[in-house]
Amino acid sequence: MTSMYRIVIIEDDPTMRQLLSKKLAGEGFECLMAPNGTAGLKTCREQKPDIVLLDVHLPDHNGIELCRTLKADPALRHIPVLIFTGESSGVDKKIEGLDAGADDYILKPFSPSELLARLKKLVRAGIKPTEN
């Protein structure tokens, strides 16, 4: 494959990061991982990913606020953001995330197949793969 989609996974749980990375790499995504919001924002600015997979609960940032920061940055605002959380507080958090600019929102636990389908939907929405 000469081009693939570059995804930044911003997730503080190392086990979850590894599981996501393994699944997505097996599907042809180039995975860059960040353990917190600060590292995630830096990685996004330096690597210009095609998609951001963002946890709501990070040790140093609220993921929804980080999504707002990404969407406010002219160099990054075009990047689709899929927010995920284990918080089952219902529709309010989901609406808050979507209002912050997230392109999609998924609740944990989610099936890897559902996550992959949602990411592929974002890809079909018109983003171009990163050229290697």
C-alpha atoms as a PDB file:
ATOM      1  CA  MET A   1       0.000   0.000   0.000  1.00  0.00           C
ATOM      2  CA  THR A   2       1.581   3.271  -1.090  1.00  0.00           C
ATOM      3  CA  SER A   3      -0.744   5.434   0.943  1.00  0.00           C
ATOM      4  CA  MET A   4      -2.581   4.827   4.163  1.00  0.00           C
ATOM      5  CA  TYR A   5      -4.567   6.837   6.604  1.00  0.00           C
ATOM      6  CA  ARG A   6      -2.623   8.252   9.538  1.00  0.00           C
ATOM      7  CA  ILE A   7      -4.557   8.227  12.799  1.00  0.00           C
ATOM      8  CA  VAL A   8      -3.579   9.747  16.139  1.00  0.00           C
ATOM      9  CA  ILE A   9      -4.938   7.779  19.095  1.00  0.00           C
ATOM     10  CA  ILE A  10      -5.142  10.028  22.174  1.00  0.00           C
ATOM     11  CA  GLU A  11      -5.842   7.646  25.060  1.00  0.00           C
ATOM     12  CA  ASP A  12      -4.287   7.476  28.528  1.00  0.00           C
ATOM     13  CA  ASP A  13      -4.862   3.735  29.088  1.00  0.00           C
ATOM     14  CA  PRO A  14      -1.844   1.886  27.625  1.00  0.00           C
ATOM     15  CA  THR A  15      -3.776  -1.366  27.186  1.00  0.00           C
ATOM     16  CA  MET A  16      -6.547   0.385  25.254  1.00  0.00           C
ATOM     17  CA  ARG A  17      -3.953   2.260  23.140  1.00  0.00           C
ATOM     18  CA  GLN A  18      -2.266  -1.024  22.222  1.00  0.00           C
ATOM     19  CA  LEU A  19      -5.559  -2.781  21.433  1.00  0.00           C
ATOM     20  CA  LEU A  20      -6.708   0.088  19.213  1.00  0.00           C
ATOM     21  CA  SER A  21      -3.343   0.354  17.501  1.00  0.00           C
ATOM     22  CA  LYS A  22      -3.151  -3.374  16.801  1.00  0.00           C
ATOM     23  CA  LYS A  23      -6.676  -3.510  15.360  1.00  0.00           C
ATOM     24  CA  LEU A  24      -6.310  -0.379  13.247  1.00  0.00           C
ATOM     25  CA  ALA A  25      -2.805  -1.189  11.997  1.00  0.00           C
ATOM     26  CA  GLY A  26      -4.160  -4.557  10.876  1.00  0.00           C
ATOM     27  CA  GLU A  27      -6.705  -2.652   8.790  1.00  0.00           C
ATOM     28  CA  GLY A  28      -4.084  -0.481   7.091  1.00  0.00           C
ATOM     29  CA  PHE A  29      -4.011   2.579   9.341  1.00  0.00           C
ATOM     30  CA  GLU A  30      -0.718   4.146  10.390  1.00  0.00           C
ATOM     31  CA  CYS A  31      -1.189   4.623  14.144  1.00  0.00           C
ATOM     32  CA  LEU A  32       0.500   7.350  16.174  1.00  0.00           C
ATOM     33  CA  MET A  33      -0.177   7.187  19.890  1.00  0.00           C
ATOM     34  CA  ALA A  34      -0.359   9.853  22.576  1.00  0.00           C
ATOM     35  CA  PRO A  35      -0.900   9.131  26.293  1.00  0.00           C
ATOM     36  CA  ASN A  36      -2.413  12.536  27.093  1.00  0.00           C
ATOM     37  CA  GLY A  37      -3.875  15.662  25.548  1.00  0.00           C
ATOM     38  CA  THR A  38      -0.657  17.672  25.501  1.00  0.00           C
ATOM     39  CA  ALA A  39       1.214  14.950  23.617  1.00  0.00           C
ATOM     40  CA  GLY A  40      -1.801  14.416  21.357  1.00  0.00           C
ATOM     41  CA  LEU A  41      -2.039  18.064  20.372  1.00  0.00           C
ATOM     42  CA  LYS A  42       1.713  18.183  19.717  1.00  0.00           C
ATOM     43  CA  THR A  43       1.513  15.025  17.583  1.00  0.00           C
ATOM     44  CA  CYS A  44      -1.406  16.463  15.601  1.00  0.00           C
ATOM     45  CA  ARG A  45       0.484  19.692  14.934  1.00  0.00           C
ATOM     46  CA  GLU A  46       3.674  17.879  13.896  1.00  0.00           C
ATOM     47  CA  GLN A  47       2.251  14.902  11.994  1.00  0.00           C
ATOM     48  CA  LYS A  48      -0.965  16.341  10.456  1.00  0.00           C
ATOM     49  CA  PRO A  49      -2.963  13.100  10.792  1.00  0.00           C
ATOM     50  CA  ASP A  50      -5.932  12.134   8.659  1.00  0.00           C
ATOM     51  CA  ILE A  51      -8.113  11.224  11.668  1.00  0.00           C
ATOM     52  CA  VAL A  52      -7.976  11.771  15.450  1.00  0.00           C
ATOM     53  CA  LEU A  53      -9.375   9.163  17.843  1.00  0.00           C
ATOM     54  CA  LEU A  54      -9.840  11.007  21.127  1.00  0.00           C
ATOM     55  CA  ASP A  55     -10.760   9.799  24.617  1.00  0.00           C
ATOM     56  CA  VAL A  56     -12.857  12.201  26.701  1.00  0.00           C
ATOM     57  CA  HIS A  57     -11.088  11.431  29.986  1.00  0.00           C
ATOM     58  CA  LEU A  58      -7.410  12.299  29.845  1.00  0.00           C
ATOM     59  CA  PRO A  59      -5.104  13.043  32.789  1.00  0.00           C
ATOM     60  CA  ASP A  60      -4.291  16.575  31.618  1.00  0.00           C
ATOM     61  CA  HIS A  61      -7.205  17.615  29.379  1.00  0.00           C
ATOM     62  CA  ASN A  62     -10.899  17.193  28.915  1.00  0.00           C
ATOM     63  CA  GLY A  63     -11.211  15.505  25.512  1.00  0.00           C
ATOM     64  CA  ILE A  64     -14.176  17.660  24.537  1.00  0.00           C
ATOM     65  CA  GLU A  65     -12.163  20.816  25.214  1.00  0.00           C
ATOM     66  CA  LEU A  66      -9.233  19.333  23.290  1.00  0.00           C
ATOM     67  CA  CYS A  67     -11.589  18.705  20.367  1.00  0.00           C
ATOM     68  CA  ARG A  68     -12.585  22.394  20.502  1.00  0.00           C
ATOM     69  CA  THR A  69      -8.895  23.342  20.443  1.00  0.00           C
ATOM     70  CA  LEU A  70      -8.254  21.128  17.404  1.00  0.00           C
ATOM     71  CA  LYS A  71     -11.289  22.507  15.561  1.00  0.00           C
ATOM     72  CA  ALA A  72     -10.290  26.116  16.363  1.00  0.00           C
ATOM     73  CA  ASP A  73      -6.822  25.671  14.847  1.00  0.00           C
ATOM     74  CA  PRO A  74      -6.868  26.634  11.130  1.00  0.00           C
ATOM     75  CA  ALA A  75      -4.140  24.074  10.371  1.00  0.00           C
ATOM     76  CA  LEU A  76      -6.026  21.223  12.076  1.00  0.00           C
ATOM     77  CA  ARG A  77      -9.745  22.008  11.872  1.00  0.00           C
ATOM     78  CA  HIS A  78     -10.249  19.898   8.736  1.00  0.00           C
ATOM     79  CA  ILE A  79      -9.125  16.701  10.515  1.00  0.00           C
ATOM     80  CA  PRO A  80     -12.062  14.457  11.464  1.00  0.00           C
ATOM     81  CA  VAL A  81     -12.264  13.725  15.197  1.00  0.00           C
ATOM     82  CA  LEU A  82     -13.954  10.643  16.620  1.00  0.00           C
ATOM     83  CA  ILE A  83     -14.470  10.997  20.374  1.00  0.00           C
ATOM     84  CA  PHE A  84     -14.927   7.961  22.587  1.00  0.00           C
ATOM     85  CA  THR A  85     -15.721   7.585  26.272  1.00  0.00           C
ATOM     86  CA  GLY A  86     -16.647   5.028  28.885  1.00  0.00           C
ATOM     87  CA  GLU A  87     -18.983   7.570  30.436  1.00  0.00           C
ATOM     88  CA  SER A  88     -22.554   6.427  30.082  1.00  0.00           C
ATOM     89  CA  SER A  89     -24.054   9.765  31.045  1.00  0.00           C
ATOM     90  CA  GLY A  90     -26.348   9.556  28.087  1.00  0.00           C
ATOM     91  CA  VAL A  91     -27.071  11.886  25.284  1.00  0.00           C
ATOM     92  CA  ASP A  92     -25.881  15.133  26.938  1.00  0.00           C
ATOM     93  CA  LYS A  93     -22.161  14.282  26.721  1.00  0.00           C
ATOM     94  CA  LYS A  94     -22.577  13.056  23.174  1.00  0.00           C
ATOM     95  CA  ILE A  95     -24.266  16.319  22.180  1.00  0.00           C
ATOM     96  CA  GLU A  96     -21.541  18.293  23.966  1.00  0.00           C
ATOM     97  CA  GLY A  97     -18.869  16.404  21.998  1.00  0.00           C
ATOM     98  CA  LEU A  98     -20.627  16.879  18.677  1.00  0.00           C
ATOM     99  CA  ASP A  99     -21.213  20.554  19.464  1.00  0.00           C
ATOM    100  CA  ALA A 100     -17.456  20.843  20.144  1.00  0.00           C
ATOM    101  CA  GLY A 101     -16.840  19.815  16.548  1.00  0.00           C
ATOM    102  CA  ALA A 102     -16.434  16.039  16.822  1.00  0.00           C
ATOM    103  CA  ASP A 103     -17.324  14.251  13.607  1.00  0.00           C
ATOM    104  CA  ASP A 104     -18.499  11.167  15.494  1.00  0.00           C
ATOM    105  CA  TYR A 105     -18.879   9.906  19.057  1.00  0.00           C
ATOM    106  CA  ILE A 106     -18.826   6.340  20.355  1.00  0.00           C
ATOM    107  CA  LEU A 107     -19.352   4.892  23.836  1.00  0.00           C
ATOM    108  CA  LYS A 108     -17.084   2.273  25.439  1.00  0.00           C
ATOM    109  CA  PRO A 109     -17.254  -0.615  25.428  1.00  0.00           C
ATOM    110  CA  PHE A 110     -17.530  -0.649  21.656  1.00  0.00           C
ATOM    111  CA  SER A 111     -16.878  -3.455  19.248  1.00  0.00           C
ATOM    112  CA  PRO A 112     -13.745  -3.097  17.146  1.00  0.00           C
ATOM    113  CA  SER A 113     -15.922  -3.696  14.087  1.00  0.00           C
ATOM    114  CA  GLU A 114     -18.176  -0.750  14.950  1.00  0.00           C
ATOM    115  CA  LEU A 115     -15.177   1.524  15.508  1.00  0.00           C
ATOM    116  CA  LEU A 116     -13.684   0.450  12.196  1.00  0.00           C
ATOM    117  CA  ALA A 117     -16.996   1.054  10.397  1.00  0.00           C
ATOM    118  CA  ARG A 118     -17.211   4.557  11.857  1.00  0.00           C
ATOM    119  CA  LEU A 119     -13.613   5.351  10.864  1.00  0.00           C
ATOM    120  CA  LYS A 120     -14.235   4.068   7.344  1.00  0.00           C
ATOM    121  CA  LYS A 121     -17.306   6.309   7.189  1.00  0.00           C
ATOM    122  CA  LEU A 122     -15.097   9.301   7.991  1.00  0.00           C
ATOM    123  CA  VAL A 123     -12.648   8.172   5.314  1.00  0.00           C
ATOM    124  CA  ARG A 124     -15.456   7.902   2.756  1.00  0.00           C
ATOM    125  CA  ALA A 125     -16.543  11.418   3.712  1.00  0.00           C
ATOM    126  CA  GLY A 126     -13.701  12.687   1.604  1.00  0.00           C
ATOM    127  CA  ILE A 127     -10.422  12.809   3.465  1.00  0.00           C
ATOM    128  CA  LYS A 128      -7.361  11.990   1.407  1.00  0.00           C
ATOM    129  CA  PRO A 129      -4.835   9.435   2.679  1.00  0.00           C
ATOM    130  CA  THR A 130      -1.377  10.485   3.775  1.00  0.00           C
ATOM    131  CA  GLU A 131       1.182   9.819   1.059  1.00  0.00           C
ATOM    132  CA  ASN A 132       4.230   7.847   2.139  1.00  0.00           C
END
